[in-house]
Amino acid sequence: MTRSLRIAVADDEPDMQEYFRTILPELGFQVVAVAGNGRELVEACRKVKPNIAITDIRMPDMDGIEAASLIYRDNPIPAILVSAYHDAEFIRRAEADHIQAYLVKPIKQADLEPAISLAVRRFEQFEALRKETVDLKQALEDRKTIEKAKGILMKKTGLDEADAFRRLQKLASDRNKKLIEIAQMLLLSEEAFER
């Protein structure tokens, strides 16, 4: 785990703020922001771009779960929630992908370090899977477009499927374009001729 993690923390209790300011650097982490409520945490995260946020749930102005969601939307980072309460409603709300851990106060130093380590690692795994899903969806859409373009070539030229595909590949190669770009141009030109 990267020991130089930049961490933003939020808690409305000054003694918890001081605890984080003291313990996190002892564990090798850098505290880049300390906030007293969720709104302050969101603003601080926009400015300092931390690697992870640790936030109390119950705070004035905006709770930690809502703050973590807003932070994730602006700059996807993992969040660890902290609470003095073991509340089923909080746990249900905390089931978003970016919430990676839930710690109950009082937080022991021995619990904090592994929670941070696991949160960062799990978040990286979730983000990799999310990106892979997006990439697979795009590949599927591209494949559909290429198949349509191949169908147009087959209909217009009488080529069989393999030859139509090779012609698309050759066009892409000759013009130094991606296959999907050639397919999109072909579909666009077909649409223009149909109008």
C-alpha atoms as a PDB file:
ATOM      1  CA  MET A   1       0.000   0.000   0.000  1.00  0.00           C
ATOM      2  CA  THR A   2       1.133   3.504  -0.749  1.00  0.00           C
ATOM      3  CA  ARG A   3       2.166   5.064   2.542  1.00  0.00           C
ATOM      4  CA  SER A   4       2.057   8.568   1.122  1.00  0.00           C
ATOM      5  CA  LEU A   5      -1.726   8.564   0.842  1.00  0.00           C
ATOM      6  CA  ARG A   6      -3.314  11.990   1.092  1.00  0.00           C
ATOM      7  CA  ILE A   7      -6.280  11.739   3.445  1.00  0.00           C
ATOM      8  CA  ALA A   8      -9.144  14.154   4.087  1.00  0.00           C
ATOM      9  CA  VAL A   9     -11.058  13.682   7.342  1.00  0.00           C
ATOM     10  CA  ALA A  10     -14.298  15.069   8.722  1.00  0.00           C
ATOM     11  CA  ASP A  11     -15.777  14.905  12.198  1.00  0.00           C
ATOM     12  CA  ASP A  12     -17.767  17.450  14.161  1.00  0.00           C
ATOM     13  CA  GLU A  13     -15.976  16.477  17.387  1.00  0.00           C
ATOM     14  CA  PRO A  14     -12.700  18.419  17.872  1.00  0.00           C
ATOM     15  CA  ASP A  15     -11.138  15.516  19.821  1.00  0.00           C
ATOM     16  CA  MET A  16     -11.720  13.177  16.832  1.00  0.00           C
ATOM     17  CA  GLN A  17     -10.242  15.755  14.471  1.00  0.00           C
ATOM     18  CA  GLU A  18      -7.152  15.891  16.704  1.00  0.00           C
ATOM     19  CA  TYR A  19      -7.040  12.084  16.872  1.00  0.00           C
ATOM     20  CA  PHE A  20      -6.890  11.875  13.066  1.00  0.00           C
ATOM     21  CA  ARG A  21      -4.328  14.703  12.864  1.00  0.00           C
ATOM     22  CA  THR A  22      -2.095  12.777  15.287  1.00  0.00           C
ATOM     23  CA  ILE A  23      -2.606   9.103  14.409  1.00  0.00           C
ATOM     24  CA  LEU A  24      -2.672   9.214  10.606  1.00  0.00           C
ATOM     25  CA  PRO A  25       0.800  10.801  10.244  1.00  0.00           C
ATOM     26  CA  GLU A  26       2.132   8.262  12.783  1.00  0.00           C
ATOM     27  CA  LEU A  27       0.871   5.561  10.399  1.00  0.00           C
ATOM     28  CA  GLY A  28       2.694   7.248   7.519  1.00  0.00           C
ATOM     29  CA  PHE A  29      -0.263   9.042   5.936  1.00  0.00           C
ATOM     30  CA  GLN A  30      -0.615  12.713   5.104  1.00  0.00           C
ATOM     31  CA  VAL A  31      -3.665  14.563   6.436  1.00  0.00           C
ATOM     32  CA  VAL A  32      -4.449  17.166   3.767  1.00  0.00           C
ATOM     33  CA  ALA A  33      -7.800  18.419   5.076  1.00  0.00           C
ATOM     34  CA  VAL A  34      -9.721  18.383   8.356  1.00  0.00           C
ATOM     35  CA  ALA A  35     -13.383  19.402   8.253  1.00  0.00           C
ATOM     36  CA  GLY A  36     -16.087  19.834  10.875  1.00  0.00           C
ATOM     37  CA  ASN A  37     -19.025  18.869   8.656  1.00  0.00           C
ATOM     38  CA  GLY A  38     -19.859  17.241   5.346  1.00  0.00           C
ATOM     39  CA  ARG A  39     -20.114  20.466   3.368  1.00  0.00           C
ATOM     40  CA  GLU A  40     -16.631  21.547   4.494  1.00  0.00           C
ATOM     41  CA  LEU A  41     -15.302  18.102   3.562  1.00  0.00           C
ATOM     42  CA  VAL A  42     -16.742  18.304   0.049  1.00  0.00           C
ATOM     43  CA  GLU A  43     -15.224  21.766  -0.477  1.00  0.00           C
ATOM     44  CA  ALA A  44     -11.860  20.690   0.938  1.00  0.00           C
ATOM     45  CA  CYS A  45     -11.773  17.618  -1.315  1.00  0.00           C
ATOM     46  CA  ARG A  46     -12.475  19.773  -4.369  1.00  0.00           C
ATOM     47  CA  LYS A  47      -9.456  21.907  -3.490  1.00  0.00           C
ATOM     48  CA  VAL A  48      -6.861  19.403  -2.249  1.00  0.00           C
ATOM     49  CA  LYS A  49      -7.829  16.237  -4.194  1.00  0.00           C
ATOM     50  CA  PRO A  50      -7.108  13.584  -1.528  1.00  0.00           C
ATOM     51  CA  ASN A  51      -6.685   9.858  -2.251  1.00  0.00           C
ATOM     52  CA  ILE A  52      -9.234   8.831   0.381  1.00  0.00           C
ATOM     53  CA  ALA A  53     -11.782  10.408   2.729  1.00  0.00           C
ATOM     54  CA  ILE A  54     -12.555   9.339   6.284  1.00  0.00           C
ATOM     55  CA  THR A  55     -15.758  10.874   7.563  1.00  0.00           C
ATOM     56  CA  ASP A  56     -18.086  10.709  10.510  1.00  0.00           C
ATOM     57  CA  ILE A  57     -21.649   9.994   9.480  1.00  0.00           C
ATOM     58  CA  ARG A  58     -23.668  12.199  11.811  1.00  0.00           C
ATOM     59  CA  MET A  59     -22.552  15.780  11.341  1.00  0.00           C
ATOM     60  CA  PRO A  60     -24.320  19.123  11.053  1.00  0.00           C
ATOM     61  CA  ASP A  61     -24.980  20.739   7.678  1.00  0.00           C
ATOM     62  CA  MET A  62     -24.452  17.529   5.643  1.00  0.00           C
ATOM     63  CA  ASP A  63     -23.925  13.975   6.813  1.00  0.00           C
ATOM     64  CA  GLY A  64     -20.866  11.943   5.879  1.00  0.00           C
ATOM     65  CA  ILE A  65     -22.698   9.583   3.513  1.00  0.00           C
ATOM     66  CA  GLU A  66     -24.054  12.437   1.398  1.00  0.00           C
ATOM     67  CA  ALA A  67     -20.642  14.148   1.474  1.00  0.00           C
ATOM     68  CA  ALA A  68     -18.906  10.939   0.347  1.00  0.00           C
ATOM     69  CA  SER A  69     -21.350  10.629  -2.576  1.00  0.00           C
ATOM     70  CA  LEU A  70     -20.731  14.212  -3.701  1.00  0.00           C
ATOM     71  CA  ILE A  71     -16.971  13.763  -3.398  1.00  0.00           C
ATOM     72  CA  TYR A  72     -17.128  10.563  -5.466  1.00  0.00           C
ATOM     73  CA  ARG A  73     -19.124  12.334  -8.169  1.00  0.00           C
ATOM     74  CA  ASP A  74     -16.508  15.129  -8.412  1.00  0.00           C
ATOM     75  CA  ASN A  75     -13.374  12.994  -8.041  1.00  0.00           C
ATOM     76  CA  PRO A  76     -13.805   9.240  -7.532  1.00  0.00           C
ATOM     77  CA  ILE A  77     -12.023   8.258  -4.307  1.00  0.00           C
ATOM     78  CA  PRO A  78     -12.828   5.665  -1.644  1.00  0.00           C
ATOM     79  CA  ALA A  79     -14.468   6.655   1.622  1.00  0.00           C
ATOM     80  CA  ILE A  80     -14.414   5.181   5.094  1.00  0.00           C
ATOM     81  CA  LEU A  81     -17.382   5.995   7.301  1.00  0.00           C
ATOM     82  CA  VAL A  82     -17.033   6.422  11.046  1.00  0.00           C
ATOM     83  CA  SER A  83     -19.857   6.435  13.570  1.00  0.00           C
ATOM     84  CA  ALA A  84     -20.503   6.061  17.253  1.00  0.00           C
ATOM     85  CA  TYR A  85     -23.663   4.201  16.262  1.00  0.00           C
ATOM     86  CA  HIS A  86     -24.206   0.805  14.723  1.00  0.00           C
ATOM     87  CA  ASP A  87     -27.305   1.887  12.823  1.00  0.00           C
ATOM     88  CA  ALA A  88     -28.887  -0.404  10.199  1.00  0.00           C
ATOM     89  CA  GLU A  89     -30.186   2.594   8.201  1.00  0.00           C
ATOM     90  CA  PHE A  90     -26.678   4.106   7.986  1.00  0.00           C
ATOM     91  CA  ILE A  91     -25.243   0.772   6.901  1.00  0.00           C
ATOM     92  CA  ARG A  92     -27.926   0.428   4.203  1.00  0.00           C
ATOM     93  CA  ARG A  93     -27.175   3.944   2.904  1.00  0.00           C
ATOM     94  CA  ALA A  94     -23.447   3.212   3.047  1.00  0.00           C
ATOM     95  CA  GLU A  95     -23.633   0.314   0.592  1.00  0.00           C
ATOM     96  CA  ALA A  96     -22.513   2.452  -2.359  1.00  0.00           C
ATOM     97  CA  ASP A  97     -19.423   1.253  -4.245  1.00  0.00           C
ATOM     98  CA  HIS A  98     -17.263   4.142  -3.078  1.00  0.00           C
ATOM     99  CA  ILE A  99     -17.914   3.416   0.630  1.00  0.00           C
ATOM    100  CA  GLN A 100     -15.251   0.865   1.412  1.00  0.00           C
ATOM    101  CA  ALA A 101     -15.371   0.538   5.196  1.00  0.00           C
ATOM    102  CA  TYR A 102     -17.485   1.349   8.232  1.00  0.00           C
ATOM    103  CA  LEU A 103     -15.745   1.824  11.573  1.00  0.00           C
ATOM    104  CA  VAL A 104     -17.518   2.163  14.922  1.00  0.00           C
ATOM    105  CA  LYS A 105     -16.104   4.613  17.478  1.00  0.00           C
ATOM    106  CA  PRO A 106     -13.936   4.495  19.441  1.00  0.00           C
ATOM    107  CA  ILE A 107     -11.530   3.809  16.587  1.00  0.00           C
ATOM    108  CA  LYS A 108      -8.405   1.927  17.540  1.00  0.00           C
ATOM    109  CA  GLN A 109      -5.157   2.613  15.725  1.00  0.00           C
ATOM    110  CA  ALA A 110      -4.907  -1.127  15.043  1.00  0.00           C
ATOM    111  CA  ASP A 111      -8.241  -0.975  13.148  1.00  0.00           C
ATOM    112  CA  LEU A 112      -7.545   2.206  11.207  1.00  0.00           C
ATOM    113  CA  GLU A 113      -4.477   1.148   9.220  1.00  0.00           C
ATOM    114  CA  PRO A 114      -5.940  -2.114   7.826  1.00  0.00           C
ATOM    115  CA  ALA A 115      -9.246  -0.362   7.076  1.00  0.00           C
ATOM    116  CA  ILE A 116      -7.423   2.263   5.014  1.00  0.00           C
ATOM    117  CA  SER A 117      -5.311  -0.354   3.253  1.00  0.00           C
ATOM    118  CA  LEU A 118      -8.306  -2.533   2.389  1.00  0.00           C
ATOM    119  CA  ALA A 119     -10.439   0.447   1.373  1.00  0.00           C
ATOM    120  CA  VAL A 120      -7.857   1.678  -1.111  1.00  0.00           C
ATOM    121  CA  ARG A 121      -7.232  -1.791  -2.551  1.00  0.00           C
ATOM    122  CA  ARG A 122     -10.927  -2.661  -2.881  1.00  0.00           C
ATOM    123  CA  PHE A 123     -11.676   0.697  -4.433  1.00  0.00           C
ATOM    124  CA  GLU A 124      -8.941   0.153  -7.039  1.00  0.00           C
ATOM    125  CA  GLN A 125     -10.494  -3.230  -7.844  1.00  0.00           C
ATOM    126  CA  PHE A 126     -14.004  -1.738  -8.151  1.00  0.00           C
ATOM    127  CA  GLU A 127     -12.749   1.052 -10.390  1.00  0.00           C
ATOM    128  CA  ALA A 128     -10.875  -1.429 -12.616  1.00  0.00           C
ATOM    129  CA  LEU A 129     -14.048  -3.520 -12.957  1.00  0.00           C
ATOM    130  CA  ARG A 130     -16.143  -0.420 -13.670  1.00  0.00           C
ATOM    131  CA  LYS A 131     -13.705   0.652 -16.399  1.00  0.00           C
ATOM    132  CA  GLU A 132     -13.639  -2.858 -17.845  1.00  0.00           C
ATOM    133  CA  THR A 133     -17.446  -2.869 -17.974  1.00  0.00           C
ATOM    134  CA  VAL A 134     -17.488   0.485 -19.766  1.00  0.00           C
ATOM    135  CA  ASP A 135     -14.844  -0.753 -22.213  1.00  0.00           C
ATOM    136  CA  LEU A 136     -16.790  -3.962 -22.885  1.00  0.00           C
ATOM    137  CA  LYS A 137     -20.008  -2.033 -23.510  1.00  0.00           C
ATOM    138  CA  GLN A 138     -18.145   0.220 -25.944  1.00  0.00           C
ATOM    139  CA  ALA A 139     -16.586  -2.774 -27.706  1.00  0.00           C
ATOM    140  CA  LEU A 140     -20.039  -4.319 -28.103  1.00  0.00           C
ATOM    141  CA  GLU A 141     -21.458  -1.088 -29.536  1.00  0.00           C
ATOM    142  CA  ASP A 142     -18.476  -0.799 -31.893  1.00  0.00           C
ATOM    143  CA  ARG A 143     -18.969  -4.405 -33.000  1.00  0.00           C
ATOM    144  CA  LYS A 144     -22.641  -3.705 -33.824  1.00  0.00           C
ATOM    145  CA  THR A 145     -21.641  -0.664 -35.893  1.00  0.00           C
ATOM    146  CA  ILE A 146     -18.978  -2.649 -37.763  1.00  0.00           C
ATOM    147  CA  GLU A 147     -21.495  -5.438 -38.481  1.00  0.00           C
ATOM    148  CA  LYS A 148     -23.967  -2.896 -39.915  1.00  0.00           C
ATOM    149  CA  ALA A 149     -21.248  -1.379 -42.099  1.00  0.00           C
ATOM    150  CA  LYS A 150     -20.215  -4.837 -43.258  1.00  0.00           C
ATOM    151  CA  GLY A 151     -23.855  -5.552 -44.145  1.00  0.00           C
ATOM    152  CA  ILE A 152     -24.051  -2.388 -46.240  1.00  0.00           C
ATOM    153  CA  LEU A 153     -20.898  -3.340 -48.126  1.00  0.00           C
ATOM    154  CA  MET A 154     -22.240  -6.836 -48.752  1.00  0.00           C
ATOM    155  CA  LYS A 155     -25.534  -5.459 -50.072  1.00  0.00           C
ATOM    156  CA  LYS A 156     -23.971  -2.738 -52.268  1.00  0.00           C
ATOM    157  CA  THR A 157     -21.023  -4.743 -53.671  1.00  0.00           C
ATOM    158  CA  GLY A 158     -22.153  -8.349 -53.538  1.00  0.00           C
ATOM    159  CA  LEU A 159     -19.122  -9.276 -51.434  1.00  0.00           C
ATOM    160  CA  ASP A 160     -19.369 -12.143 -48.977  1.00  0.00           C
ATOM    161  CA  GLU A 161     -18.998 -11.447 -45.249  1.00  0.00           C
ATOM    162  CA  ALA A 162     -15.272 -12.196 -45.021  1.00  0.00           C
ATOM    163  CA  ASP A 163     -14.429 -10.047 -48.055  1.00  0.00           C
ATOM    164  CA  ALA A 164     -16.596  -7.181 -46.804  1.00  0.00           C
ATOM    165  CA  PHE A 165     -14.765  -7.266 -43.488  1.00  0.00           C
ATOM    166  CA  ARG A 166     -11.368  -7.339 -45.232  1.00  0.00           C
ATOM    167  CA  ARG A 167     -12.391  -4.334 -47.330  1.00  0.00           C
ATOM    168  CA  LEU A 168     -13.309  -2.409 -44.165  1.00  0.00           C
ATOM    169  CA  GLN A 169      -9.943  -3.359 -42.659  1.00  0.00           C
ATOM    170  CA  LYS A 170      -8.088  -2.250 -45.802  1.00  0.00           C
ATOM    171  CA  LEU A 171      -9.939   1.080 -45.870  1.00  0.00           C
ATOM    172  CA  ALA A 172      -9.018   1.627 -42.223  1.00  0.00           C
ATOM    173  CA  SER A 173      -5.387   0.726 -42.873  1.00  0.00           C
ATOM    174  CA  ASP A 174      -5.098   2.844 -46.051  1.00  0.00           C
ATOM    175  CA  ARG A 175      -6.518   5.899 -44.295  1.00  0.00           C
ATOM    176  CA  ASN A 176      -4.738   5.288 -40.990  1.00  0.00           C
ATOM    177  CA  LYS A 177      -8.090   5.181 -39.175  1.00  0.00           C
ATOM    178  CA  LYS A 178      -9.637   2.800 -36.685  1.00  0.00           C
ATOM    179  CA  LEU A 179     -12.024   0.205 -38.060  1.00  0.00           C
ATOM    180  CA  ILE A 180     -14.884   1.734 -36.046  1.00  0.00           C
ATOM    181  CA  GLU A 181     -14.238   5.153 -37.605  1.00  0.00           C
ATOM    182  CA  ILE A 182     -14.476   3.711 -41.122  1.00  0.00           C
ATOM    183  CA  ALA A 183     -17.662   1.834 -40.182  1.00  0.00           C
ATOM    184  CA  GLN A 184     -19.215   5.012 -38.761  1.00  0.00           C
ATOM    185  CA  MET A 185     -18.315   6.967 -41.921  1.00  0.00           C
ATOM    186  CA  LEU A 186     -19.866   4.246 -44.081  1.00  0.00           C
ATOM    187  CA  LEU A 187     -23.077   4.291 -42.032  1.00  0.00           C
ATOM    188  CA  LEU A 188     -23.186   8.076 -42.212  1.00  0.00           C
ATOM    189  CA  SER A 189     -22.745   8.098 -45.996  1.00  0.00           C
ATOM    190  CA  GLU A 190     -25.432   5.414 -46.365  1.00  0.00           C
ATOM    191  CA  GLU A 191     -27.772   7.550 -44.281  1.00  0.00           C
ATOM    192  CA  ALA A 192     -27.014  10.583 -46.495  1.00  0.00           C
ATOM    193  CA  PHE A 193     -27.836   8.636 -49.672  1.00  0.00           C
ATOM    194  CA  GLU A 194     -31.108   7.319 -48.215  1.00  0.00           C
ATOM    195  CA  ARG A 195     -32.362  10.839 -47.548  1.00  0.00           C
END
